Structures are given as structure tokens and as C-alpha cells.
Amino acid sequence: MPDITTLGLRNQIVALVAQHRLPAIYWHASFVKIGGVVSYGADQTDLFRRSAGYVDRILRGEKAADLPIQLPTKYQLTVNLKTANALGLKVPPELLVSADELIE
């Protein structure tokens, strides 16, 4: 699950999953950059960029409790082809075409 603990332990998590040769889908691209197979989750940069509007509204006097909850609108798909090949996984072409980032 997405939280600061799993992000902080990502090296150990990816190593343990690799040791058992398990395919896994992660919530953050940093897992894939260090050897995970696939990540799909909210684009963190977009979330932070959009939060600036909330900060502006609060600084102008609006109450935080009165602001609507916003859901992510942009998601990021990252695929590590090197890891997929090492696990003997065939990545469907549709997934490759829709990926925001491919790691070879």
C-alpha cells in the first residue's frame, strides 16, 4: 500500500520479491527504477502541482475544511522490460504503448 514506510523500505521489498521471482505491481515508479516490474499510480508531481492551488486558497482566507476533496487526475505507468525478461514475462504490446516510461 502507498505510504512512507513502503517507500522507505523499497530496496528491501524489491529485493525480497526478486529473490522469490515474483512479478509485482508497485504504486511508485521508484520501485521499478531499482528492479521492480511495473508501477501504476497517481502522478506525484501532478498532485504536488495541484496542491499549490489549495495552499493559495487557504492563504487567501478559505477554511481548509470547506475545500473539496480532489482525486488524482493523472496516473503514471512505468514498465521495467529488463526485469520482466529476467522473470520470463511477456509484456503485452498494449501495455508498452500506454506506458509513460519504459526501462530497458
PDB file of N, CA and C in Angstrom:
ATOM      1  N   MET A   1       0.838  -1.187   0.000  1.00  0.00           N
ATOM      2  CA  MET A   1       0.000   0.000   0.000  1.00  0.00           C
ATOM      3  C   MET A   1       0.880   1.247   0.000  1.00  0.00           C
ATOM      4  N   PRO A   2       0.416   2.292  -0.639  1.00  0.00           N
ATOM      5  CA  PRO A   2       1.202   3.524  -0.691  1.00  0.00           C
ATOM      6  C   PRO A   2       1.326   4.195   0.677  1.00  0.00           C
ATOM      7  N   ASP A   3       2.518   4.231   1.193  1.00  0.00           N
ATOM      8  CA  ASP A   3       2.786   5.014   2.401  1.00  0.00           C
ATOM      9  C   ASP A   3       4.292   5.222   2.519  1.00  0.00           C
ATOM     10  N   ILE A   4       4.675   6.044   3.458  1.00  0.00           N
ATOM     11  CA  ILE A   4       6.078   6.413   3.621  1.00  0.00           C
ATOM     12  C   ILE A   4       6.925   5.212   4.051  1.00  0.00           C
ATOM     13  N   THR A   5       6.333   4.261   4.757  1.00  0.00           N
ATOM     14  CA  THR A   5       7.083   3.085   5.205  1.00  0.00           C
ATOM     15  C   THR A   5       7.491   2.218   4.024  1.00  0.00           C
ATOM     16  N   THR A   6       6.543   1.901   3.143  1.00  0.00           N
ATOM     17  CA  THR A   6       6.888   1.065   1.992  1.00  0.00           C
ATOM     18  C   THR A   6       7.844   1.791   1.051  1.00  0.00           C
ATOM     19  N   LEU A   7       7.690   3.105   0.941  1.00  0.00           N
ATOM     20  CA  LEU A   7       8.618   3.864   0.108  1.00  0.00           C
ATOM     21  C   LEU A   7      10.023   3.814   0.703  1.00  0.00           C
ATOM     22  N   GLY A   8      10.121   3.944   2.002  1.00  0.00           N
ATOM     23  CA  GLY A   8      11.423   3.894   2.669  1.00  0.00           C
ATOM     24  C   GLY A   8      12.070   2.519   2.632  1.00  0.00           C
ATOM     25  N   LEU A   9      11.255   1.475   2.568  1.00  0.00           N
ATOM     26  CA  LEU A   9      11.773   0.099   2.538  1.00  0.00           C
ATOM     27  C   LEU A   9      11.753  -0.499   1.129  1.00  0.00           C
ATOM     28  N   ARG A  10      11.664   0.350   0.110  1.00  0.00           N
ATOM     29  CA  ARG A  10      11.520  -0.166  -1.255  1.00  0.00           C
ATOM     30  C   ARG A  10      12.666  -1.058  -1.696  1.00  0.00           C
ATOM     31  N   ASN A  11      13.895  -0.767  -1.285  1.00  0.00           N
ATOM     32  CA  ASN A  11      15.018  -1.632  -1.688  1.00  0.00           C
ATOM     33  C   ASN A  11      14.843  -3.038  -1.150  1.00  0.00           C
ATOM     34  N   GLN A  12      14.460  -3.149   0.115  1.00  0.00           N
ATOM     35  CA  GLN A  12      14.263  -4.461   0.720  1.00  0.00           C
ATOM     36  C   GLN A  12      13.062  -5.183   0.112  1.00  0.00           C
ATOM     37  N   ILE A  13      11.989  -4.439  -0.156  1.00  0.00           N
ATOM     38  CA  ILE A  13      10.793  -5.045  -0.731  1.00  0.00           C
ATOM     39  C   ILE A  13      11.083  -5.590  -2.125  1.00  0.00           C
ATOM     40  N   VAL A  14      11.726  -4.783  -2.962  1.00  0.00           N
ATOM     41  CA  VAL A  14      12.044  -5.222  -4.331  1.00  0.00           C
ATOM     42  C   VAL A  14      13.016  -6.404  -4.296  1.00  0.00           C
ATOM     43  N   ALA A  15      13.988  -6.381  -3.401  1.00  0.00           N
ATOM     44  CA  ALA A  15      14.943  -7.491  -3.292  1.00  0.00           C
ATOM     45  C   ALA A  15      14.250  -8.775  -2.864  1.00  0.00           C
ATOM     46  N   LEU A  16      13.337  -8.691  -1.928  1.00  0.00           N
ATOM     47  CA  LEU A  16      12.620  -9.883  -1.450  1.00  0.00           C
ATOM     48  C   LEU A  16      11.720 -10.454  -2.538  1.00  0.00           C
ATOM     49  N   VAL A  17      11.028  -9.583  -3.260  1.00  0.00           N
ATOM     50  CA  VAL A  17      10.173 -10.031  -4.357  1.00  0.00           C
ATOM     51  C   VAL A  17      11.028 -10.687  -5.449  1.00  0.00           C
ATOM     52  N   ALA A  18      12.187 -10.092  -5.762  1.00  0.00           N
ATOM     53  CA  ALA A  18      13.082 -10.654  -6.781  1.00  0.00           C
ATOM     54  C   ALA A  18      13.653 -11.995  -6.337  1.00  0.00           C
ATOM     55  N   GLN A  19      13.984 -12.111  -5.063  1.00  0.00           N
ATOM     56  CA  GLN A  19      14.526 -13.363  -4.526  1.00  0.00           C
ATOM     57  C   GLN A  19      13.550 -14.516  -4.749  1.00  0.00           C
ATOM     58  N   HIS A  20      12.267 -14.234  -4.646  1.00  0.00           N
ATOM     59  CA  HIS A  20      11.246 -15.263  -4.830  1.00  0.00           C
ATOM     60  C   HIS A  20      10.699 -15.297  -6.253  1.00  0.00           C
ATOM     61  N   ARG A  21      11.326 -14.485  -7.132  1.00  0.00           N
ATOM     62  CA  ARG A  21      10.963 -14.435  -8.548  1.00  0.00           C
ATOM     63  C   ARG A  21       9.461 -14.209  -8.762  1.00  0.00           C
ATOM     64  N   LEU A  22       8.935 -13.228  -8.055  1.00  0.00           N
ATOM     65  CA  LEU A  22       7.524 -12.891  -8.158  1.00  0.00           C
ATOM     66  C   LEU A  22       7.335 -11.614  -8.974  1.00  0.00           C
ATOM     67  N   PRO A  23       6.383 -11.613  -9.888  1.00  0.00           N
ATOM     68  CA  PRO A  23       6.061 -10.350 -10.550  1.00  0.00           C
ATOM     69  C   PRO A  23       5.226  -9.507  -9.585  1.00  0.00           C
ATOM     70  N   ALA A  24       5.468  -8.231  -9.548  1.00  0.00           N
ATOM     71  CA  ALA A  24       4.722  -7.370  -8.641  1.00  0.00           C
ATOM     72  C   ALA A  24       4.435  -6.038  -9.314  1.00  0.00           C
ATOM     73  N   ILE A  25       3.314  -5.459  -8.955  1.00  0.00           N
ATOM     74  CA  ILE A  25       2.954  -4.126  -9.422  1.00  0.00           C
ATOM     75  C   ILE A  25       3.047  -3.200  -8.226  1.00  0.00           C
ATOM     76  N   TYR A  26       3.820  -2.140  -8.378  1.00  0.00           N
ATOM     77  CA  TYR A  26       4.067  -1.204  -7.291  1.00  0.00           C
ATOM     78  C   TYR A  26       3.297   0.083  -7.524  1.00  0.00           C
ATOM     79  N   TRP A  27       3.241   0.905  -6.500  1.00  0.00           N
ATOM     80  CA  TRP A  27       2.481   2.150  -6.556  1.00  0.00           C
ATOM     81  C   TRP A  27       3.321   3.356  -6.951  1.00  0.00           C
ATOM     82  N   HIS A  28       4.631   3.199  -7.007  1.00  0.00           N
ATOM     83  CA  HIS A  28       5.507   4.340  -7.282  1.00  0.00           C
ATOM     84  C   HIS A  28       6.611   3.905  -8.245  1.00  0.00           C
ATOM     85  N   ALA A  29       6.949   4.765  -9.194  1.00  0.00           N
ATOM     86  CA  ALA A  29       7.941   4.438 -10.222  1.00  0.00           C
ATOM     87  C   ALA A  29       9.326   4.147  -9.639  1.00  0.00           C
ATOM     88  N   SER A  30       9.634   4.661  -8.466  1.00  0.00           N
ATOM     89  CA  SER A  30      10.962   4.419  -7.883  1.00  0.00           C
ATOM     90  C   SER A  30      11.205   2.933  -7.617  1.00  0.00           C
ATOM     91  N   PHE A  31      10.156   2.152  -7.389  1.00  0.00           N
ATOM     92  CA  PHE A  31      10.294   0.707  -7.198  1.00  0.00           C
ATOM     93  C   PHE A  31      10.759   0.049  -8.496  1.00  0.00           C
ATOM     94  N   VAL A  32      10.232   0.509  -9.606  1.00  0.00           N
ATOM     95  CA  VAL A  32      10.566  -0.067 -10.909  1.00  0.00           C
ATOM     96  C   VAL A  32      11.974   0.335 -11.328  1.00  0.00           C
ATOM     97  N   LYS A  33      12.382   1.535 -10.983  1.00  0.00           N
ATOM     98  CA  LYS A  33      13.712   2.011 -11.353  1.00  0.00           C
ATOM     99  C   LYS A  33      14.824   1.232 -10.656  1.00  0.00           C
ATOM    100  N   ILE A  34      14.496   0.568  -9.542  1.00  0.00           N
ATOM    101  CA  ILE A  34      15.510  -0.237  -8.848  1.00  0.00           C
ATOM    102  C   ILE A  34      15.303  -1.733  -9.057  1.00  0.00           C
ATOM    103  N   GLY A  35      14.425  -2.118 -10.005  1.00  0.00           N
ATOM    104  CA  GLY A  35      14.307  -3.524 -10.348  1.00  0.00           C
ATOM    105  C   GLY A  35      12.928  -4.135 -10.278  1.00  0.00           C
ATOM    106  N   GLY A  36      11.907  -3.377  -9.903  1.00  0.00           N
ATOM    107  CA  GLY A  36      10.543  -3.905  -9.927  1.00  0.00           C
ATOM    108  C   GLY A  36      10.069  -4.039 -11.363  1.00  0.00           C
ATOM    109  N   VAL A  37       8.955  -4.740 -11.573  1.00  0.00           N
ATOM    110  CA  VAL A  37       8.467  -4.972 -12.933  1.00  0.00           C
ATOM    111  C   VAL A  37       7.597  -3.819 -13.435  1.00  0.00           C
ATOM    112  N   VAL A  38       6.547  -3.488 -12.699  1.00  0.00           N
ATOM    113  CA  VAL A  38       5.580  -2.492 -13.164  1.00  0.00           C
ATOM    114  C   VAL A  38       5.137  -1.614 -11.996  1.00  0.00           C
ATOM    115  N   SER A  39       4.917  -0.346 -12.276  1.00  0.00           N
ATOM    116  CA  SER A  39       4.269   0.526 -11.291  1.00  0.00           C
ATOM    117  C   SER A  39       3.139   1.266 -11.983  1.00  0.00           C
ATOM    118  N   TYR A  40       2.076   1.471 -11.223  1.00  0.00           N
ATOM    119  CA  TYR A  40       0.943   2.246 -11.715  1.00  0.00           C
ATOM    120  C   TYR A  40       0.365   2.996 -10.522  1.00  0.00           C
ATOM    121  N   GLY A  41       0.362   4.293 -10.614  1.00  0.00           N
ATOM    122  CA  GLY A  41      -0.166   5.082  -9.512  1.00  0.00           C
ATOM    123  C   GLY A  41      -0.310   6.536  -9.900  1.00  0.00           C
ATOM    124  N   ALA A  42      -0.849   7.285  -8.974  1.00  0.00           N
ATOM    125  CA  ALA A  42      -1.055   8.714  -9.196  1.00  0.00           C
ATOM    126  C   ALA A  42       0.282   9.391  -9.469  1.00  0.00           C
ATOM    127  N   ASP A  43       0.279  10.299 -10.423  1.00  0.00           N
ATOM    128  CA  ASP A  43       1.473  11.068 -10.753  1.00  0.00           C
ATOM    129  C   ASP A  43       1.741  12.041  -9.607  1.00  0.00           C
ATOM    130  N   GLN A  44       2.793  11.788  -8.849  1.00  0.00           N
ATOM    131  CA  GLN A  44       3.097  12.573  -7.656  1.00  0.00           C
ATOM    132  C   GLN A  44       3.397  14.036  -7.998  1.00  0.00           C
ATOM    133  N   THR A  45       4.078  14.278  -9.096  1.00  0.00           N
ATOM    134  CA  THR A  45       4.390  15.654  -9.499  1.00  0.00           C
ATOM    135  C   THR A  45       3.111  16.434  -9.756  1.00  0.00           C
ATOM    136  N   ASP A  46       2.162  15.794 -10.423  1.00  0.00           N
ATOM    137  CA  ASP A  46       0.885  16.442 -10.699  1.00  0.00           C
ATOM    138  C   ASP A  46       0.129  16.729  -9.409  1.00  0.00           C
ATOM    139  N   LEU A  47       0.165  15.809  -8.455  1.00  0.00           N
ATOM    140  CA  LEU A  47      -0.509  16.028  -7.171  1.00  0.00           C
ATOM    141  C   LEU A  47       0.065  17.238  -6.441  1.00  0.00           C
ATOM    142  N   PHE A  48       1.383  17.329  -6.404  1.00  0.00           N
ATOM    143  CA  PHE A  48       2.019  18.455  -5.724  1.00  0.00           C
ATOM    144  C   PHE A  48       1.721  19.770  -6.447  1.00  0.00           C
ATOM    145  N   ARG A  49       1.735  19.726  -7.764  1.00  0.00           N
ATOM    146  CA  ARG A  49       1.448  20.933  -8.549  1.00  0.00           C
ATOM    147  C   ARG A  49       0.025  21.423  -8.266  1.00  0.00           C
ATOM    148  N   ARG A  50      -0.927  20.507  -8.213  1.00  0.00           N
ATOM    149  CA  ARG A  50      -2.314  20.877  -7.963  1.00  0.00           C
ATOM    150  C   ARG A  50      -2.538  21.337  -6.527  1.00  0.00           C
ATOM    151  N   SER A  51      -1.731  20.853  -5.606  1.00  0.00           N
ATOM    152  CA  SER A  51      -1.902  21.254  -4.204  1.00  0.00           C
ATOM    153  C   SER A  51      -1.543  22.729  -3.998  1.00  0.00           C
ATOM    154  N   ALA A  52      -0.756  23.297  -4.889  1.00  0.00           N
ATOM    155  CA  ALA A  52      -0.406  24.715  -4.773  1.00  0.00           C
ATOM    156  C   ALA A  52      -1.655  25.589  -4.826  1.00  0.00           C
ATOM    157  N   GLY A  53      -2.642  25.184  -5.596  1.00  0.00           N
ATOM    158  CA  GLY A  53      -3.897  25.929  -5.657  1.00  0.00           C
ATOM    159  C   GLY A  53      -4.622  25.926  -4.317  1.00  0.00           C
ATOM    160  N   TYR A  54      -4.545  24.820  -3.623  1.00  0.00           N
ATOM    161  CA  TYR A  54      -5.156  24.733  -2.295  1.00  0.00           C
ATOM    162  C   TYR A  54      -4.433  25.643  -1.302  1.00  0.00           C
ATOM    163  N   VAL A  55      -3.121  25.625  -1.361  1.00  0.00           N
ATOM    164  CA  VAL A  55      -2.337  26.494  -0.476  1.00  0.00           C
ATOM    165  C   VAL A  55      -2.717  27.950  -0.727  1.00  0.00           C
ATOM    166  N   ASP A  56      -2.834  28.323  -1.976  1.00  0.00           N
ATOM    167  CA  ASP A  56      -3.213  29.693  -2.324  1.00  0.00           C
ATOM    168  C   ASP A  56      -4.582  30.049  -1.745  1.00  0.00           C
ATOM    169  N   ARG A  57      -5.537  29.143  -1.882  1.00  0.00           N
ATOM    170  CA  ARG A  57      -6.888  29.405  -1.375  1.00  0.00           C
ATOM    171  C   ARG A  57      -6.894  29.547   0.147  1.00  0.00           C
ATOM    172  N   ILE A  58      -6.114  28.714   0.830  1.00  0.00           N
ATOM    173  CA  ILE A  58      -6.046  28.788   2.291  1.00  0.00           C
ATOM    174  C   ILE A  58      -5.382  30.093   2.719  1.00  0.00           C
ATOM    175  N   LEU A  59      -4.311  30.480   2.041  1.00  0.00           N
ATOM    176  CA  LEU A  59      -3.636  31.732   2.386  1.00  0.00           C
ATOM    177  C   LEU A  59      -4.507  32.957   2.108  1.00  0.00           C
ATOM    178  N   ARG A  60      -5.468  32.813   1.225  1.00  0.00           N
ATOM    179  CA  ARG A  60      -6.394  33.915   0.930  1.00  0.00           C
ATOM    180  C   ARG A  60      -7.597  33.919   1.881  1.00  0.00           C
ATOM    181  N   GLY A  61      -7.604  32.968   2.844  1.00  0.00           N
ATOM    182  CA  GLY A  61      -8.626  33.011   3.877  1.00  0.00           C
ATOM    183  C   GLY A  61      -9.668  31.917   3.867  1.00  0.00           C
ATOM    184  N   GLU A  62      -9.671  31.048   2.866  1.00  0.00           N
ATOM    185  CA  GLU A  62     -10.659  29.968   2.872  1.00  0.00           C
ATOM    186  C   GLU A  62     -10.286  28.942   3.941  1.00  0.00           C
ATOM    187  N   LYS A  63     -11.294  28.334   4.509  1.00  0.00           N
ATOM    188  CA  LYS A  63     -11.060  27.305   5.523  1.00  0.00           C
ATOM    189  C   LYS A  63     -10.745  25.987   4.829  1.00  0.00           C
ATOM    190  N   ALA A  64      -9.734  25.317   5.311  1.00  0.00           N
ATOM    191  CA  ALA A  64      -9.328  24.038   4.717  1.00  0.00           C
ATOM    192  C   ALA A  64     -10.475  23.032   4.751  1.00  0.00           C
ATOM    193  N   ALA A  65     -11.269  23.058   5.805  1.00  0.00           N
ATOM    194  CA  ALA A  65     -12.386  22.119   5.934  1.00  0.00           C
ATOM    195  C   ALA A  65     -13.461  22.350   4.872  1.00  0.00           C
ATOM    196  N   ASP A  66     -13.497  23.548   4.298  1.00  0.00           N
ATOM    197  CA  ASP A  66     -14.508  23.867   3.291  1.00  0.00           C
ATOM    198  C   ASP A  66     -14.062  23.514   1.868  1.00  0.00           C
ATOM    199  N   LEU A  67     -12.809  23.168   1.696  1.00  0.00           N
ATOM    200  CA  LEU A  67     -12.309  22.840   0.359  1.00  0.00           C
ATOM    201  C   LEU A  67     -12.712  21.411  -0.017  1.00  0.00           C
ATOM    202  N   PRO A  68     -13.085  21.200  -1.274  1.00  0.00           N
ATOM    203  CA  PRO A  68     -13.485  19.857  -1.693  1.00  0.00           C
ATOM    204  C   PRO A  68     -12.279  18.916  -1.781  1.00  0.00           C
ATOM    205  N   ILE A  69     -12.555  17.653  -1.580  1.00  0.00           N
ATOM    206  CA  ILE A  69     -11.514  16.631  -1.736  1.00  0.00           C
ATOM    207  C   ILE A  69     -11.291  16.436  -3.227  1.00  0.00           C
ATOM    208  N   GLN A  70     -10.038  16.360  -3.615  1.00  0.00           N
ATOM    209  CA  GLN A  70      -9.715  16.129  -5.023  1.00  0.00           C
ATOM    210  C   GLN A  70      -9.066  14.765  -5.180  1.00  0.00           C
ATOM    211  N   LEU A  71      -9.472  14.067  -6.202  1.00  0.00           N
ATOM    212  CA  LEU A  71      -8.871  12.783  -6.539  1.00  0.00           C
ATOM    213  C   LEU A  71      -7.814  13.001  -7.611  1.00  0.00           C
ATOM    214  N   PRO A  72      -6.856  12.096  -7.712  1.00  0.00           N
ATOM    215  CA  PRO A  72      -5.850  12.222  -8.774  1.00  0.00           C
ATOM    216  C   PRO A  72      -6.519  12.209 -10.141  1.00  0.00           C
ATOM    217  N   THR A  73      -5.970  12.988 -11.053  1.00  0.00           N
ATOM    218  CA  THR A  73      -6.496  13.030 -12.417  1.00  0.00           C
ATOM    219  C   THR A  73      -5.486  12.497 -13.422  1.00  0.00           C
ATOM    220  N   LYS A  74      -4.256  12.345 -12.998  1.00  0.00           N
ATOM    221  CA  LYS A  74      -3.199  11.866 -13.889  1.00  0.00           C
ATOM    222  C   LYS A  74      -2.483  10.698 -13.211  1.00  0.00           C
ATOM    223  N   TYR A  75      -2.306   9.628 -13.959  1.00  0.00           N
ATOM    224  CA  TYR A  75      -1.647   8.437 -13.443  1.00  0.00           C
ATOM    225  C   TYR A  75      -0.417   8.136 -14.283  1.00  0.00           C
ATOM    226  N   GLN A  76       0.529   7.411 -13.684  1.00  0.00           N
ATOM    227  CA  GLN A  76       1.777   7.109 -14.377  1.00  0.00           C
ATOM    228  C   GLN A  76       1.994   5.595 -14.388  1.00  0.00           C
ATOM    229  N   LEU A  77       2.295   5.068 -15.577  1.00  0.00           N
ATOM    230  CA  LEU A  77       2.595   3.649 -15.762  1.00  0.00           C
ATOM    231  C   LEU A  77       4.052   3.522 -16.167  1.00  0.00           C
ATOM    232  N   THR A  78       4.814   2.752 -15.390  1.00  0.00           N
ATOM    233  CA  THR A  78       6.234   2.525 -15.669  1.00  0.00           C
ATOM    234  C   THR A  78       6.467   1.030 -15.764  1.00  0.00           C
ATOM    235  N   VAL A  79       7.208   0.607 -16.790  1.00  0.00           N
ATOM    236  CA  VAL A  79       7.486  -0.813 -17.015  1.00  0.00           C
ATOM    237  C   VAL A  79       8.992  -1.012 -17.134  1.00  0.00           C
ATOM    238  N   ASN A  80       9.509  -2.010 -16.408  1.00  0.00           N
ATOM    239  CA  ASN A  80      10.921  -2.367 -16.475  1.00  0.00           C
ATOM    240  C   ASN A  80      11.031  -3.638 -17.321  1.00  0.00           C
ATOM    241  N   LEU A  81      11.409  -3.462 -18.585  1.00  0.00           N
ATOM    242  CA  LEU A  81      11.491  -4.599 -19.512  1.00  0.00           C
ATOM    243  C   LEU A  81      12.611  -5.562 -19.143  1.00  0.00           C
ATOM    244  N   LYS A  82      13.697  -5.045 -18.608  1.00  0.00           N
ATOM    245  CA  LYS A  82      14.824  -5.893 -18.213  1.00  0.00           C
ATOM    246  C   LYS A  82      14.388  -6.884 -17.134  1.00  0.00           C
ATOM    247  N   THR A  83      13.671  -6.406 -16.133  1.00  0.00           N
ATOM    248  CA  THR A  83      13.193  -7.285 -15.065  1.00  0.00           C
ATOM    249  C   THR A  83      12.136  -8.247 -15.581  1.00  0.00           C
ATOM    250  N   ALA A  84      11.238  -7.763 -16.421  1.00  0.00           N
ATOM    251  CA  ALA A  84      10.204  -8.631 -16.989  1.00  0.00           C
ATOM    252  C   ALA A  84      10.840  -9.774 -17.772  1.00  0.00           C
ATOM    253  N   ASN A  85      11.849  -9.464 -18.576  1.00  0.00           N
ATOM    254  CA  ASN A  85      12.541 -10.505 -19.342  1.00  0.00           C
ATOM    255  C   ASN A  85      13.261 -11.489 -18.426  1.00  0.00           C
ATOM    256  N   ALA A  86      13.871 -11.002 -17.347  1.00  0.00           N
ATOM    257  CA  ALA A  86      14.566 -11.876 -16.406  1.00  0.00           C
ATOM    258  C   ALA A  86      13.601 -12.850 -15.740  1.00  0.00           C
ATOM    259  N   LEU A  87      12.352 -12.425 -15.557  1.00  0.00           N
ATOM    260  CA  LEU A  87      11.338 -13.301 -14.949  1.00  0.00           C
ATOM    261  C   LEU A  87      10.610 -14.146 -15.992  1.00  0.00           C
ATOM    262  N   GLY A  88      10.950 -13.964 -17.264  1.00  0.00           N
ATOM    263  CA  GLY A  88      10.302 -14.718 -18.328  1.00  0.00           C
ATOM    264  C   GLY A  88       8.895 -14.234 -18.630  1.00  0.00           C
ATOM    265  N   LEU A  89       8.621 -12.973 -18.347  1.00  0.00           N
ATOM    266  CA  LEU A  89       7.296 -12.416 -18.595  1.00  0.00           C
ATOM    267  C   LEU A  89       7.237 -11.740 -19.956  1.00  0.00           C
ATOM    268  N   LYS A  90       6.176 -11.987 -20.679  1.00  0.00           N
ATOM    269  CA  LYS A  90       5.954 -11.308 -21.947  1.00  0.00           C
ATOM    270  C   LYS A  90       5.036 -10.127 -21.678  1.00  0.00           C
ATOM    271  N   VAL A  91       5.523  -8.941 -21.952  1.00  0.00           N
ATOM    272  CA  VAL A  91       4.737  -7.726 -21.717  1.00  0.00           C
ATOM    273  C   VAL A  91       3.886  -7.471 -22.953  1.00  0.00           C
ATOM    274  N   PRO A  92       2.563  -7.397 -22.786  1.00  0.00           N
ATOM    275  CA  PRO A  92       1.682  -7.161 -23.939  1.00  0.00           C
ATOM    276  C   PRO A  92       1.989  -5.830 -24.624  1.00  0.00           C
ATOM    277  N   PRO A  93       1.912  -5.804 -25.940  1.00  0.00           N
ATOM    278  CA  PRO A  93       2.186  -4.572 -26.683  1.00  0.00           C
ATOM    279  C   PRO A  93       1.297  -3.399 -26.245  1.00  0.00           C
ATOM    280  N   GLU A  94       0.045  -3.692 -25.877  1.00  0.00           N
ATOM    281  CA  GLU A  94      -0.866  -2.638 -25.434  1.00  0.00           C
ATOM    282  C   GLU A  94      -0.336  -1.944 -24.181  1.00  0.00           C
ATOM    283  N   LEU A  95       0.297  -2.711 -23.316  1.00  0.00           N
ATOM    284  CA  LEU A  95       0.864  -2.145 -22.092  1.00  0.00           C
ATOM    285  C   LEU A  95       2.084  -1.288 -22.424  1.00  0.00           C
ATOM    286  N   LEU A  96       2.902  -1.753 -23.363  1.00  0.00           N
ATOM    287  CA  LEU A  96       4.084  -0.992 -23.763  1.00  0.00           C
ATOM    288  C   LEU A  96       3.703   0.334 -24.401  1.00  0.00           C
ATOM    289  N   VAL A  97       2.670   0.324 -25.203  1.00  0.00           N
ATOM    290  CA  VAL A  97       2.237   1.547 -25.897  1.00  0.00           C
ATOM    291  C   VAL A  97       1.689   2.559 -24.900  1.00  0.00           C
ATOM    292  N   SER A  98       0.997   2.091 -23.874  1.00  0.00           N
ATOM    293  CA  SER A  98       0.372   3.016 -22.936  1.00  0.00           C
ATOM    294  C   SER A  98       1.312   3.423 -21.782  1.00  0.00           C
ATOM    295  N   ALA A  99       2.509   2.835 -21.728  1.00  0.00           N
ATOM    296  CA  ALA A  99       3.440   3.175 -20.651  1.00  0.00           C
ATOM    297  C   ALA A  99       3.975   4.592 -20.790  1.00  0.00           C
ATOM    298  N   ASP A 100       4.082   5.282 -19.651  1.00  0.00           N
ATOM    299  CA  ASP A 100       4.657   6.615 -19.634  1.00  0.00           C
ATOM    300  C   ASP A 100       6.177   6.542 -19.647  1.00  0.00           C
ATOM    301  N   GLU A 101       6.712   5.450 -19.105  1.00  0.00           N
ATOM    302  CA  GLU A 101       8.168   5.275 -19.052  1.00  0.00           C
ATOM    303  C   GLU A 101       8.498   3.794 -19.202  1.00  0.00           C
ATOM    304  N   LEU A 102       9.465   3.492 -20.076  1.00  0.00           N
ATOM    305  CA  LEU A 102       9.975   2.141 -20.242  1.00  0.00           C
ATOM    306  C   LEU A 102      11.442   2.116 -19.822  1.00  0.00           C
ATOM    307  N   ILE A 103      11.782   1.138 -19.020  1.00  0.00           N
ATOM    308  CA  ILE A 103      13.157   0.972 -18.579  1.00  0.00           C
ATOM    309  C   ILE A 103      13.686  -0.287 -19.241  1.00  0.00           C
ATOM    310  N   GLU A 104      14.773  -0.132 -20.017  1.00  0.00           N
ATOM    311  CA  GLU A 104      15.316  -1.276 -20.755  1.00  0.00           C
ATOM    312  C   GLU A 104      16.667  -1.673 -20.225  1.00  0.00           C
TER     313      GLU A 104
END
